[in-house]
Amino acid sequence: AVAKTEYNFSDVLGVGIGVPGPVNFE
């Protein structure tokens, strides 16, 4: 998907992920 944009992976500030289960945020 990123390859189809004007951006590349060096422009990624971070990845956020939501998961259906109990998570230790730390």
mmCIF file of all heavy atoms, coordinates in Angstrom:
data_MODEL
# 
_entry.id   MODEL 
# 
loop_
_atom_site.group_PDB 
_atom_site.id 
_atom_site.type_symbol 
_atom_site.label_atom_id 
_atom_site.label_alt_id 
_atom_site.label_comp_id 
_atom_site.label_asym_id 
_atom_site.label_entity_id 
_atom_site.label_seq_id 
_atom_site.pdbx_PDB_ins_code 
_atom_site.Cartn_x 
_atom_site.Cartn_y 
_atom_site.Cartn_z 
_atom_site.occupancy 
_atom_site.B_iso_or_equiv 
_atom_site.pdbx_formal_charge 
_atom_site.auth_seq_id 
_atom_site.auth_comp_id 
_atom_site.auth_asym_id 
_atom_site.auth_atom_id 
_atom_site.pdbx_PDB_model_num 
ATOM 1   N N   . ALA A 1 1  ? 0.824   -1.209  0.000  1.00 0.00 ? 1  ALA A N   1 
ATOM 2   C CA  . ALA A 1 1  ? 0.000   0.000   0.000  1.00 0.00 ? 1  ALA A CA  1 
ATOM 3   C C   . ALA A 1 1  ? 0.861   1.264   0.000  1.00 0.00 ? 1  ALA A C   1 
ATOM 4   O O   . ALA A 1 1  ? 0.551   2.233   -0.703 1.00 0.00 ? 1  ALA A O   1 
ATOM 5   C CB  . ALA A 1 1  ? -0.930  -0.006  1.213  1.00 0.00 ? 1  ALA A CB  1 
ATOM 6   N N   . VAL A 1 2  ? 1.927   1.270   0.791  1.00 0.00 ? 2  VAL A N   1 
ATOM 7   C CA  . VAL A 1 2  ? 2.797   2.457   0.838  1.00 0.00 ? 2  VAL A CA  1 
ATOM 8   C C   . VAL A 1 2  ? 3.451   2.688   -0.518 1.00 0.00 ? 2  VAL A C   1 
ATOM 9   O O   . VAL A 1 2  ? 3.622   3.829   -0.957 1.00 0.00 ? 2  VAL A O   1 
ATOM 10  C CB  . VAL A 1 2  ? 3.858   2.308   1.951  1.00 0.00 ? 2  VAL A CB  1 
ATOM 11  C CG1 . VAL A 1 2  ? 4.910   3.421   1.849  1.00 0.00 ? 2  VAL A CG1 1 
ATOM 12  C CG2 . VAL A 1 2  ? 3.205   2.338   3.332  1.00 0.00 ? 2  VAL A CG2 1 
ATOM 13  N N   . ALA A 1 3  ? 3.777   1.590   -1.202 1.00 0.00 ? 3  ALA A N   1 
ATOM 14  C CA  . ALA A 1 3  ? 4.422   1.702   -2.520 1.00 0.00 ? 3  ALA A CA  1 
ATOM 15  C C   . ALA A 1 3  ? 3.521   2.396   -3.542 1.00 0.00 ? 3  ALA A C   1 
ATOM 16  O O   . ALA A 1 3  ? 4.014   2.943   -4.537 1.00 0.00 ? 3  ALA A O   1 
ATOM 17  C CB  . ALA A 1 3  ? 4.819   0.318   -3.023 1.00 0.00 ? 3  ALA A CB  1 
ATOM 18  N N   . LYS A 1 4  ? 2.224   2.413   -3.298 1.00 0.00 ? 4  LYS A N   1 
ATOM 19  C CA  . LYS A 1 4  ? 1.287   3.045   -4.215 1.00 0.00 ? 4  LYS A CA  1 
ATOM 20  C C   . LYS A 1 4  ? 1.064   4.522   -3.892 1.00 0.00 ? 4  LYS A C   1 
ATOM 21  O O   . LYS A 1 4  ? 0.280   5.193   -4.557 1.00 0.00 ? 4  LYS A O   1 
ATOM 22  C CB  . LYS A 1 4  ? -0.054  2.300   -4.176 1.00 0.00 ? 4  LYS A CB  1 
ATOM 23  C CG  . LYS A 1 4  ? 0.044   0.861   -4.663 1.00 0.00 ? 4  LYS A CG  1 
ATOM 24  C CD  . LYS A 1 4  ? -1.275  0.120   -4.451 1.00 0.00 ? 4  LYS A CD  1 
ATOM 25  C CE  . LYS A 1 4  ? -1.150  -1.353  -4.856 1.00 0.00 ? 4  LYS A CE  1 
ATOM 26  N NZ  . LYS A 1 4  ? -2.390  -2.104  -4.554 1.00 0.00 ? 4  LYS A NZ  1 
ATOM 27  N N   . THR A 1 5  ? 1.735   5.003   -2.858 1.00 0.00 ? 5  THR A N   1 
ATOM 28  C CA  . THR A 1 5  ? 1.597   6.410   -2.472 1.00 0.00 ? 5  THR A CA  1 
ATOM 29  C C   . THR A 1 5  ? 2.874   7.166   -2.828 1.00 0.00 ? 5  THR A C   1 
ATOM 30  O O   . THR A 1 5  ? 3.833   6.594   -3.353 1.00 0.00 ? 5  THR A O   1 
ATOM 31  C CB  . THR A 1 5  ? 1.345   6.537   -0.959 1.00 0.00 ? 5  THR A CB  1 
ATOM 32  O OG1 . THR A 1 5  ? 2.547   6.200   -0.244 1.00 0.00 ? 5  THR A OG1 1 
ATOM 33  C CG2 . THR A 1 5  ? 0.212   5.623   -0.508 1.00 0.00 ? 5  THR A CG2 1 
ATOM 34  N N   . GLU A 1 6  ? 2.883   8.440   -2.493 1.00 0.00 ? 6  GLU A N   1 
ATOM 35  C CA  . GLU A 1 6  ? 4.081   9.252   -2.719 1.00 0.00 ? 6  GLU A CA  1 
ATOM 36  C C   . GLU A 1 6  ? 5.104   9.084   -1.603 1.00 0.00 ? 6  GLU A C   1 
ATOM 37  O O   . GLU A 1 6  ? 6.172   9.695   -1.625 1.00 0.00 ? 6  GLU A O   1 
ATOM 38  C CB  . GLU A 1 6  ? 3.691   10.729  -2.814 1.00 0.00 ? 6  GLU A CB  1 
ATOM 39  C CG  . GLU A 1 6  ? 3.018   11.257  -1.556 1.00 0.00 ? 6  GLU A CG  1 
ATOM 40  C CD  . GLU A 1 6  ? 2.576   12.697  -1.682 1.00 0.00 ? 6  GLU A CD  1 
ATOM 41  O OE1 . GLU A 1 6  ? 3.428   13.553  -1.954 1.00 0.00 ? 6  GLU A OE1 1 
ATOM 42  O OE2 . GLU A 1 6  ? 1.360   12.940  -1.509 1.00 0.00 ? 6  GLU A OE2 1 
ATOM 43  N N   . TYR A 1 7  ? 4.757   8.242   -0.607 1.00 0.00 ? 7  TYR A N   1 
ATOM 44  C CA  . TYR A 1 7  ? 5.630   8.047   0.543  1.00 0.00 ? 7  TYR A CA  1 
ATOM 45  C C   . TYR A 1 7  ? 6.424   6.749   0.400  1.00 0.00 ? 7  TYR A C   1 
ATOM 46  O O   . TYR A 1 7  ? 6.144   5.914   -0.459 1.00 0.00 ? 7  TYR A O   1 
ATOM 47  C CB  . TYR A 1 7  ? 4.796   7.989   1.832  1.00 0.00 ? 7  TYR A CB  1 
ATOM 48  C CG  . TYR A 1 7  ? 3.951   9.212   2.074  1.00 0.00 ? 7  TYR A CG  1 
ATOM 49  C CD1 . TYR A 1 7  ? 2.616   9.256   1.656  1.00 0.00 ? 7  TYR A CD1 1 
ATOM 50  C CD2 . TYR A 1 7  ? 4.478   10.320  2.716  1.00 0.00 ? 7  TYR A CD2 1 
ATOM 51  C CE1 . TYR A 1 7  ? 1.836   10.388  1.875  1.00 0.00 ? 7  TYR A CE1 1 
ATOM 52  C CE2 . TYR A 1 7  ? 3.706   11.455  2.953  1.00 0.00 ? 7  TYR A CE2 1 
ATOM 53  C CZ  . TYR A 1 7  ? 2.387   11.476  2.527  1.00 0.00 ? 7  TYR A CZ  1 
ATOM 54  O OH  . TYR A 1 7  ? 1.622   12.585  2.742  1.00 0.00 ? 7  TYR A OH  1 
ATOM 55  N N   . ASN A 1 8  ? 7.414   6.570   1.299  1.00 0.00 ? 8  ASN A N   1 
ATOM 56  C CA  . ASN A 1 8  ? 8.087   5.281   1.416  1.00 0.00 ? 8  ASN A CA  1 
ATOM 57  C C   . ASN A 1 8  ? 8.221   4.946   2.898  1.00 0.00 ? 8  ASN A C   1 
ATOM 58  O O   . ASN A 1 8  ? 7.828   5.731   3.763  1.00 0.00 ? 8  ASN A O   1 
ATOM 59  C CB  . ASN A 1 8  ? 9.443   5.289   0.706  1.00 0.00 ? 8  ASN A CB  1 
ATOM 60  C CG  . ASN A 1 8  ? 10.349  6.389   1.214  1.00 0.00 ? 8  ASN A CG  1 
ATOM 61  O OD1 . ASN A 1 8  ? 10.608  6.487   2.417  1.00 0.00 ? 8  ASN A OD1 1 
ATOM 62  N ND2 . ASN A 1 8  ? 10.839  7.236   0.308  1.00 0.00 ? 8  ASN A ND2 1 
ATOM 63  N N   . PHE A 1 9  ? 8.800   3.796   3.212  1.00 0.00 ? 9  PHE A N   1 
ATOM 64  C CA  . PHE A 1 9  ? 8.797   3.327   4.594  1.00 0.00 ? 9  PHE A CA  1 
ATOM 65  C C   . PHE A 1 9  ? 9.656   4.188   5.515  1.00 0.00 ? 9  PHE A C   1 
ATOM 66  O O   . PHE A 1 9  ? 9.460   4.183   6.741  1.00 0.00 ? 9  PHE A O   1 
ATOM 67  C CB  . PHE A 1 9  ? 9.210   1.849   4.670  1.00 0.00 ? 9  PHE A CB  1 
ATOM 68  C CG  . PHE A 1 9  ? 8.053   0.955   5.034  1.00 0.00 ? 9  PHE A CG  1 
ATOM 69  C CD1 . PHE A 1 9  ? 7.102   0.617   4.088  1.00 0.00 ? 9  PHE A CD1 1 
ATOM 70  C CD2 . PHE A 1 9  ? 7.883   0.507   6.325  1.00 0.00 ? 9  PHE A CD2 1 
ATOM 71  C CE1 . PHE A 1 9  ? 6.019   -0.178  4.421  1.00 0.00 ? 9  PHE A CE1 1 
ATOM 72  C CE2 . PHE A 1 9  ? 6.804   -0.288  6.684  1.00 0.00 ? 9  PHE A CE2 1 
ATOM 73  C CZ  . PHE A 1 9  ? 5.875   -0.631  5.728  1.00 0.00 ? 9  PHE A CZ  1 
ATOM 74  N N   . SER A 1 10 ? 10.591  4.946   4.977  1.00 0.00 ? 10 SER A N   1 
ATOM 75  C CA  . SER A 1 10 ? 11.381  5.842   5.824  1.00 0.00 ? 10 SER A CA  1 
ATOM 76  C C   . SER A 1 10 ? 10.542  7.012   6.334  1.00 0.00 ? 10 SER A C   1 
ATOM 77  O O   . SER A 1 10 ? 10.950  7.722   7.261  1.00 0.00 ? 10 SER A O   1 
ATOM 78  C CB  . SER A 1 10 ? 12.597  6.369   5.053  1.00 0.00 ? 10 SER A CB  1 
ATOM 79  O OG  . SER A 1 10 ? 12.180  7.167   3.958  1.00 0.00 ? 10 SER A OG  1 
ATOM 80  N N   . ASP A 1 11 ? 9.352   7.204   5.742  1.00 0.00 ? 11 ASP A N   1 
ATOM 81  C CA  . ASP A 1 11 ? 8.450   8.271   6.174  1.00 0.00 ? 11 ASP A CA  1 
ATOM 82  C C   . ASP A 1 11 ? 7.474   7.824   7.262  1.00 0.00 ? 11 ASP A C   1 
ATOM 83  O O   . ASP A 1 11 ? 6.664   8.619   7.733  1.00 0.00 ? 11 ASP A O   1 
ATOM 84  C CB  . ASP A 1 11 ? 7.635   8.791   4.985  1.00 0.00 ? 11 ASP A CB  1 
ATOM 85  C CG  . ASP A 1 11 ? 8.509   9.337   3.874  1.00 0.00 ? 11 ASP A CG  1 
ATOM 86  O OD1 . ASP A 1 11 ? 9.470   10.064  4.187  1.00 0.00 ? 11 ASP A OD1 1 
ATOM 87  O OD2 . ASP A 1 11 ? 8.242   9.027   2.693  1.00 0.00 ? 11 ASP A OD2 1 
ATOM 88  N N   . VAL A 1 12 ? 7.540   6.540   7.646  1.00 0.00 ? 12 VAL A N   1 
ATOM 89  C CA  . VAL A 1 12 ? 6.594   6.006   8.629  1.00 0.00 ? 12 VAL A CA  1 
ATOM 90  C C   . VAL A 1 12 ? 7.020   6.432   10.036 1.00 0.00 ? 12 VAL A C   1 
ATOM 91  O O   . VAL A 1 12 ? 8.105   6.079   10.510 1.00 0.00 ? 12 VAL A O   1 
ATOM 92  C CB  . VAL A 1 12 ? 6.492   4.473   8.542  1.00 0.00 ? 12 VAL A CB  1 
ATOM 93  C CG1 . VAL A 1 12 ? 5.569   3.942   9.650  1.00 0.00 ? 12 VAL A CG1 1 
ATOM 94  C CG2 . VAL A 1 12 ? 5.970   4.054   7.171  1.00 0.00 ? 12 VAL A CG2 1 
ATOM 95  N N   . LEU A 1 13 ? 6.155   7.183   10.702 1.00 0.00 ? 13 LEU A N   1 
ATOM 96  C CA  . LEU A 1 13 ? 6.440   7.667   12.048 1.00 0.00 ? 13 LEU A CA  1 
ATOM 97  C C   . LEU A 1 13 ? 6.215   6.578   13.089 1.00 0.00 ? 13 LEU A C   1 
ATOM 98  O O   . LEU A 1 13 ? 6.890   6.523   14.115 1.00 0.00 ? 13 LEU A O   1 
ATOM 99  C CB  . LEU A 1 13 ? 5.553   8.870   12.346 1.00 0.00 ? 13 LEU A CB  1 
ATOM 100 C CG  . LEU A 1 13 ? 5.776   9.616   13.648 1.00 0.00 ? 13 LEU A CG  1 
ATOM 101 C CD1 . LEU A 1 13 ? 7.197   10.179  13.716 1.00 0.00 ? 13 LEU A CD1 1 
ATOM 102 C CD2 . LEU A 1 13 ? 4.768   10.751  13.774 1.00 0.00 ? 13 LEU A CD2 1 
ATOM 103 N N   . GLY A 1 14 ? 5.259   5.706   12.828 1.00 0.00 ? 14 GLY A N   1 
ATOM 104 C CA  . GLY A 1 14 ? 4.964   4.625   13.759 1.00 0.00 ? 14 GLY A CA  1 
ATOM 105 C C   . GLY A 1 14 ? 3.829   3.765   13.254 1.00 0.00 ? 14 GLY A C   1 
ATOM 106 O O   . GLY A 1 14 ? 3.128   4.126   12.296 1.00 0.00 ? 14 GLY A O   1 
ATOM 107 N N   . VAL A 1 15 ? 3.653   2.616   13.904 1.00 0.00 ? 15 VAL A N   1 
ATOM 108 C CA  . VAL A 1 15 ? 2.582   1.676   13.571 1.00 0.00 ? 15 VAL A CA  1 
ATOM 109 C C   . VAL A 1 15 ? 1.715   1.486   14.809 1.00 0.00 ? 15 VAL A C   1 
ATOM 110 O O   . VAL A 1 15 ? 2.222   1.154   15.897 1.00 0.00 ? 15 VAL A O   1 
ATOM 111 C CB  . VAL A 1 15 ? 3.143   0.313   13.117 1.00 0.00 ? 15 VAL A CB  1 
ATOM 112 C CG1 . VAL A 1 15 ? 2.001   -0.642  12.753 1.00 0.00 ? 15 VAL A CG1 1 
ATOM 113 C CG2 . VAL A 1 15 ? 4.105   0.483   11.946 1.00 0.00 ? 15 VAL A CG2 1 
ATOM 114 N N   . GLY A 1 16 ? 0.421   1.698   14.662 1.00 0.00 ? 16 GLY A N   1 
ATOM 115 C CA  . GLY A 1 16 ? -0.533  1.455   15.742 1.00 0.00 ? 16 GLY A CA  1 
ATOM 116 C C   . GLY A 1 16 ? -1.379  0.237   15.422 1.00 0.00 ? 16 GLY A C   1 
ATOM 117 O O   . GLY A 1 16 ? -1.846  0.080   14.295 1.00 0.00 ? 16 GLY A O   1 
ATOM 118 N N   . ILE A 1 17 ? -1.565  -0.633  16.417 1.00 0.00 ? 17 ILE A N   1 
ATOM 119 C CA  . ILE A 1 17 ? -2.280  -1.891  16.194 1.00 0.00 ? 17 ILE A CA  1 
ATOM 120 C C   . ILE A 1 17 ? -3.307  -2.106  17.301 1.00 0.00 ? 17 ILE A C   1 
ATOM 121 O O   . ILE A 1 17 ? -2.982  -2.050  18.493 1.00 0.00 ? 17 ILE A O   1 
ATOM 122 C CB  . ILE A 1 17 ? -1.302  -3.092  16.169 1.00 0.00 ? 17 ILE A CB  1 
ATOM 123 C CG1 . ILE A 1 17 ? -0.232  -2.892  15.085 1.00 0.00 ? 17 ILE A CG1 1 
ATOM 124 C CG2 . ILE A 1 17 ? -2.062  -4.397  15.946 1.00 0.00 ? 17 ILE A CG2 1 
ATOM 125 C CD1 . ILE A 1 17 ? 0.844   -3.977  15.083 1.00 0.00 ? 17 ILE A CD1 1 
ATOM 126 N N   . GLY A 1 18 ? -4.554  -2.347  16.913 1.00 0.00 ? 18 GLY A N   1 
ATOM 127 C CA  . GLY A 1 18 ? -5.608  -2.714  17.847 1.00 0.00 ? 18 GLY A CA  1 
ATOM 128 C C   . GLY A 1 18 ? -5.878  -4.204  17.756 1.00 0.00 ? 18 GLY A C   1 
ATOM 129 O O   . GLY A 1 18 ? -5.971  -4.760  16.664 1.00 0.00 ? 18 GLY A O   1 
ATOM 130 N N   . VAL A 1 19 ? -5.990  -4.862  18.912 1.00 0.00 ? 19 VAL A N   1 
ATOM 131 C CA  . VAL A 1 19 ? -6.133  -6.319  18.971 1.00 0.00 ? 19 VAL A CA  1 
ATOM 132 C C   . VAL A 1 19 ? -7.311  -6.682  19.887 1.00 0.00 ? 19 VAL A C   1 
ATOM 133 O O   . VAL A 1 19 ? -7.468  -6.084  20.957 1.00 0.00 ? 19 VAL A O   1 
ATOM 134 C CB  . VAL A 1 19 ? -4.839  -6.973  19.509 1.00 0.00 ? 19 VAL A CB  1 
ATOM 135 C CG1 . VAL A 1 19 ? -4.961  -8.490  19.514 1.00 0.00 ? 19 VAL A CG1 1 
ATOM 136 C CG2 . VAL A 1 19 ? -3.641  -6.550  18.673 1.00 0.00 ? 19 VAL A CG2 1 
ATOM 137 N N   . PRO A 1 20 ? -8.128  -7.671  19.501 1.00 0.00 ? 20 PRO A N   1 
ATOM 138 C CA  . PRO A 1 20 ? -9.271  -8.064  20.332 1.00 0.00 ? 20 PRO A CA  1 
ATOM 139 C C   . PRO A 1 20 ? -8.877  -8.991  21.483 1.00 0.00 ? 20 PRO A C   1 
ATOM 140 O O   . PRO A 1 20 ? -9.155  -10.190 21.484 1.00 0.00 ? 20 PRO A O   1 
ATOM 141 C CB  . PRO A 1 20 ? -10.183 -8.785  19.334 1.00 0.00 ? 20 PRO A CB  1 
ATOM 142 C CG  . PRO A 1 20 ? -9.236  -9.397  18.352 1.00 0.00 ? 20 PRO A CG  1 
ATOM 143 C CD  . PRO A 1 20 ? -8.096  -8.409  18.216 1.00 0.00 ? 20 PRO A CD  1 
ATOM 144 N N   . GLY A 1 21 ? -8.208  -8.430  22.467 1.00 0.00 ? 21 GLY A N   1 
ATOM 145 C CA  . GLY A 1 21 ? -7.799  -9.207  23.627 1.00 0.00 ? 21 GLY A CA  1 
ATOM 146 C C   . GLY A 1 21 ? -7.167  -8.298  24.658 1.00 0.00 ? 21 GLY A C   1 
ATOM 147 O O   . GLY A 1 21 ? -6.891  -7.121  24.389 1.00 0.00 ? 21 GLY A O   1 
ATOM 148 N N   . PRO A 1 22 ? -6.909  -8.809  25.869 1.00 0.00 ? 22 PRO A N   1 
ATOM 149 C CA  . PRO A 1 22 ? -6.267  -7.998  26.901 1.00 0.00 ? 22 PRO A CA  1 
ATOM 150 C C   . PRO A 1 22 ? -4.809  -7.726  26.557 1.00 0.00 ? 22 PRO A C   1 
ATOM 151 O O   . PRO A 1 22 ? -4.063  -8.635  26.191 1.00 0.00 ? 22 PRO A O   1 
ATOM 152 C CB  . PRO A 1 22 ? -6.380  -8.865  28.162 1.00 0.00 ? 22 PRO A CB  1 
ATOM 153 C CG  . PRO A 1 22 ? -6.561  -10.258 27.662 1.00 0.00 ? 22 PRO A CG  1 
ATOM 154 C CD  . PRO A 1 22 ? -7.272  -10.161 26.348 1.00 0.00 ? 22 PRO A CD  1 
ATOM 155 N N   . VAL A 1 23 ? -4.409  -6.458  26.646 1.00 0.00 ? 23 VAL A N   1 
ATOM 156 C CA  . VAL A 1 23 ? -3.080  -6.037  26.203 1.00 0.00 ? 23 VAL A CA  1 
ATOM 157 C C   . VAL A 1 23 ? -2.348  -5.341  27.343 1.00 0.00 ? 23 VAL A C   1 
ATOM 158 O O   . VAL A 1 23 ? -2.925  -4.495  28.032 1.00 0.00 ? 23 VAL A O   1 
ATOM 159 C CB  . VAL A 1 23 ? -3.181  -5.062  25.001 1.00 0.00 ? 23 VAL A CB  1 
ATOM 160 C CG1 . VAL A 1 23 ? -1.795  -4.588  24.573 1.00 0.00 ? 23 VAL A CG1 1 
ATOM 161 C CG2 . VAL A 1 23 ? -3.901  -5.722  23.825 1.00 0.00 ? 23 VAL A CG2 1 
ATOM 162 N N   . ASN A 1 24 ? -1.086  -5.693  27.520 1.00 0.00 ? 24 ASN A N   1 
ATOM 163 C CA  . ASN A 1 24 ? -0.207  -4.915  28.387 1.00 0.00 ? 24 ASN A CA  1 
ATOM 164 C C   . ASN A 1 24 ? 0.374   -3.800  27.537 1.00 0.00 ? 24 ASN A C   1 
ATOM 165 O O   . ASN A 1 24 ? 1.226   -4.043  26.679 1.00 0.00 ? 24 ASN A O   1 
ATOM 166 C CB  . ASN A 1 24 ? 0.908   -5.796  28.970 1.00 0.00 ? 24 ASN A CB  1 
ATOM 167 C CG  . ASN A 1 24 ? 1.796   -5.034  29.945 1.00 0.00 ? 24 ASN A CG  1 
ATOM 168 O OD1 . ASN A 1 24 ? 2.178   -3.888  29.711 1.00 0.00 ? 24 ASN A OD1 1 
ATOM 169 N ND2 . ASN A 1 24 ? 2.130   -5.674  31.051 1.00 0.00 ? 24 ASN A ND2 1 
ATOM 170 N N   . PHE A 1 25 ? -0.102  -2.583  27.757 1.00 0.00 ? 25 PHE A N   1 
ATOM 171 C CA  . PHE A 1 25 ? 0.272   -1.473  26.883 1.00 0.00 ? 25 PHE A CA  1 
ATOM 172 C C   . PHE A 1 25 ? 1.767   -1.179  26.956 1.00 0.00 ? 25 PHE A C   1 
ATOM 173 O O   . PHE A 1 25 ? 2.376   -0.768  25.970 1.00 0.00 ? 25 PHE A O   1 
ATOM 174 C CB  . PHE A 1 25 ? -0.523  -0.225  27.272 1.00 0.00 ? 25 PHE A CB  1 
ATOM 175 C CG  . PHE A 1 25 ? -0.263  0.962   26.388 1.00 0.00 ? 25 PHE A CG  1 
ATOM 176 C CD1 . PHE A 1 25 ? -0.713  0.983   25.077 1.00 0.00 ? 25 PHE A CD1 1 
ATOM 177 C CD2 . PHE A 1 25 ? 0.434   2.066   26.864 1.00 0.00 ? 25 PHE A CD2 1 
ATOM 178 C CE1 . PHE A 1 25 ? -0.479  2.074   24.249 1.00 0.00 ? 25 PHE A CE1 1 
ATOM 179 C CE2 . PHE A 1 25 ? 0.671   3.171   26.052 1.00 0.00 ? 25 PHE A CE2 1 
ATOM 180 C CZ  . PHE A 1 25 ? 0.216   3.166   24.740 1.00 0.00 ? 25 PHE A CZ  1 
ATOM 181 N N   . GLU A 1 26 ? 2.375   -1.394  28.107 1.00 0.00 ? 26 GLU A N   1 
ATOM 182 C CA  . GLU A 1 26 ? 3.789   -1.080  28.271 1.00 0.00 ? 26 GLU A CA  1 
ATOM 183 C C   . GLU A 1 26 ? 4.680   -2.023  27.472 1.00 0.00 ? 26 GLU A C   1 
ATOM 184 O O   . GLU A 1 26 ? 5.723   -1.620  26.957 1.00 0.00 ? 26 GLU A O   1 
ATOM 185 C CB  . GLU A 1 26 ? 4.173   -1.134  29.755 1.00 0.00 ? 26 GLU A CB  1 
ATOM 186 C CG  . GLU A 1 26 ? 3.449   -0.115  30.619 1.00 0.00 ? 26 GLU A CG  1 
ATOM 187 C CD  . GLU A 1 26 ? 3.709   1.320   30.185 1.00 0.00 ? 26 GLU A CD  1 
ATOM 188 O OE1 . GLU A 1 26 ? 4.854   1.619   29.794 1.00 0.00 ? 26 GLU A OE1 1 
ATOM 189 O OE2 . GLU A 1 26 ? 2.768   2.131   30.221 1.00 0.00 ? 26 GLU A OE2 1 
# 
